[in-house]
Each structure stands twice: as C-alpha cells, then as structure tokens.
Amino acid sequence: MNETALKGRKFSGASRAPKTYSTGRTCASKGCDTRLSQYNRREWCYTHAPTKYPRLRGRIVKAEA
C-alpha cells in the first residue's frame, strides 16, 4: 500500500496593508455631506452610488407569450 504524505509550513510572511485613499472626502452627490471612509474607493456614499448589477451567466430564458 502506497501512502502519500504532504509536507508544509505555516505562512509567516507579512500581509499587505489595505489600500487607502485620502481622508476628509465627502460624497460627490449634490447636497450630501456624508464623509467617506479612507478605504472607500468610490466618489459616492452607499446611498448615492450608482447601482451595479452582477454579471449573470447561463441561459437566457425566453419570456412566456
């Protein structure tokens, strides 16, 4: 019987720091004074951000007539 052993070692490298953007930014929407997080790469707050739709994969279903 052949037994296979796996060897490995614990990952010890330093993790990469998260990307940050300038502090003190506000939402680009008129009249909105929401302060954006330094980790938010967008120009708008969650409320005013344009809607992004996920990419759908698979068959296109025909509408029933």
C-alpha atoms as a PDB file:
ATOM      1  CA  MET A   1       0.000   0.000   0.000  1.00  0.00           C
ATOM      2  CA  ASN A   2       1.418   3.352  -1.048  1.00  0.00           C
ATOM      3  CA  GLU A   3       0.958   6.190   1.422  1.00  0.00           C
ATOM      4  CA  THR A   4       1.460   9.782   0.398  1.00  0.00           C
ATOM      5  CA  ALA A   5       2.422  12.370   2.963  1.00  0.00           C
ATOM      6  CA  LEU A   6       2.034  16.090   2.458  1.00  0.00           C
ATOM      7  CA  LYS A   7       4.551  18.461   3.950  1.00  0.00           C
ATOM      8  CA  GLY A   8       4.112  22.132   4.514  1.00  0.00           C
ATOM      9  CA  ARG A   9       4.900  25.002   6.771  1.00  0.00           C
ATOM     10  CA  LYS A  10       2.930  27.839   8.263  1.00  0.00           C
ATOM     11  CA  PHE A  11       2.693  31.011   6.204  1.00  0.00           C
ATOM     12  CA  SER A  12       4.739  33.604   8.033  1.00  0.00           C
ATOM     13  CA  GLY A  13       5.008  36.461   5.531  1.00  0.00           C
ATOM     14  CA  ALA A  14       3.645  39.867   6.381  1.00  0.00           C
ATOM     15  CA  SER A  15       0.250  40.561   4.849  1.00  0.00           C
ATOM     16  CA  ARG A  16      -0.169  43.518   2.536  1.00  0.00           C
ATOM     17  CA  ALA A  17      -1.647  46.664   4.046  1.00  0.00           C
ATOM     18  CA  PRO A  18      -5.099  47.628   2.721  1.00  0.00           C
ATOM     19  CA  LYS A  19      -5.178  50.327   0.051  1.00  0.00           C
ATOM     20  CA  THR A  20      -6.232  53.680   1.448  1.00  0.00           C
ATOM     21  CA  TYR A  21      -7.476  56.867  -0.154  1.00  0.00           C
ATOM     22  CA  SER A  22      -7.318  60.460   1.052  1.00  0.00           C
ATOM     23  CA  THR A  23      -9.106  61.286   4.277  1.00  0.00           C
ATOM     24  CA  GLY A  24     -11.721  64.003   4.679  1.00  0.00           C
ATOM     25  CA  ARG A  25     -13.503  63.231   1.390  1.00  0.00           C
ATOM     26  CA  THR A  26     -17.253  63.726   1.095  1.00  0.00           C
ATOM     27  CA  CYS A  27     -19.897  62.244  -1.189  1.00  0.00           C
ATOM     28  CA  ALA A  28     -19.888  63.728  -4.723  1.00  0.00           C
ATOM     29  CA  SER A  29     -23.692  63.936  -4.801  1.00  0.00           C
ATOM     30  CA  LYS A  30     -25.128  67.458  -4.507  1.00  0.00           C
ATOM     31  CA  GLY A  31     -26.304  68.249  -1.001  1.00  0.00           C
ATOM     32  CA  CYS A  32     -24.821  65.134   0.602  1.00  0.00           C
ATOM     33  CA  ASP A  33     -22.294  65.799   3.353  1.00  0.00           C
ATOM     34  CA  THR A  34     -21.546  62.159   4.164  1.00  0.00           C
ATOM     35  CA  ARG A  35     -17.882  61.647   4.950  1.00  0.00           C
ATOM     36  CA  LEU A  36     -16.343  58.761   3.027  1.00  0.00           C
ATOM     37  CA  SER A  37     -14.136  56.136   4.613  1.00  0.00           C
ATOM     38  CA  GLN A  38     -10.462  56.157   3.714  1.00  0.00           C
ATOM     39  CA  TYR A  39     -10.993  52.608   2.423  1.00  0.00           C
ATOM     40  CA  ASN A  40     -13.917  53.538   0.113  1.00  0.00           C
ATOM     41  CA  ARG A  41     -12.508  53.977  -3.396  1.00  0.00           C
ATOM     42  CA  ARG A  42     -15.728  55.371  -4.830  1.00  0.00           C
ATOM     43  CA  GLU A  43     -16.713  59.033  -5.082  1.00  0.00           C
ATOM     44  CA  TRP A  44     -20.156  58.471  -3.578  1.00  0.00           C
ATOM     45  CA  CYS A  45     -21.582  57.176  -0.321  1.00  0.00           C
ATOM     46  CA  TYR A  46     -23.586  53.932  -0.347  1.00  0.00           C
ATOM     47  CA  THR A  47     -26.888  55.788  -0.706  1.00  0.00           C
ATOM     48  CA  HIS A  48     -25.859  57.767  -3.801  1.00  0.00           C
ATOM     49  CA  ALA A  49     -23.582  55.260  -5.542  1.00  0.00           C
ATOM     50  CA  PRO A  50     -24.822  54.123  -8.950  1.00  0.00           C
ATOM     51  CA  THR A  51     -26.346  50.652  -8.926  1.00  0.00           C
ATOM     52  CA  LYS A  52     -24.033  47.905 -10.131  1.00  0.00           C
ATOM     53  CA  TYR A  53     -25.616  44.734 -11.448  1.00  0.00           C
ATOM     54  CA  PRO A  54     -23.755  41.436 -11.215  1.00  0.00           C
ATOM     55  CA  ARG A  55     -22.749  39.590 -14.360  1.00  0.00           C
ATOM     56  CA  LEU A  56     -25.242  36.824 -14.908  1.00  0.00           C
ATOM     57  CA  ARG A  57     -24.122  33.632 -16.564  1.00  0.00           C
ATOM     58  CA  GLY A  58     -26.125  30.862 -18.104  1.00  0.00           C
ATOM     59  CA  ARG A  59     -29.035  30.538 -20.457  1.00  0.00           C
ATOM     60  CA  ILE A  60     -31.250  33.412 -21.480  1.00  0.00           C
ATOM     61  CA  VAL A  61     -34.802  32.443 -20.563  1.00  0.00           C
ATOM     62  CA  LYS A  62     -37.456  33.368 -23.132  1.00  0.00           C
ATOM     63  CA  ALA A  63     -40.446  35.302 -21.848  1.00  0.00           C
ATOM     64  CA  GLU A  64     -43.677  33.322 -22.000  1.00  0.00           C
ATOM     65  CA  ALA A  65     -46.152  34.642 -24.583  1.00  0.00           C
END
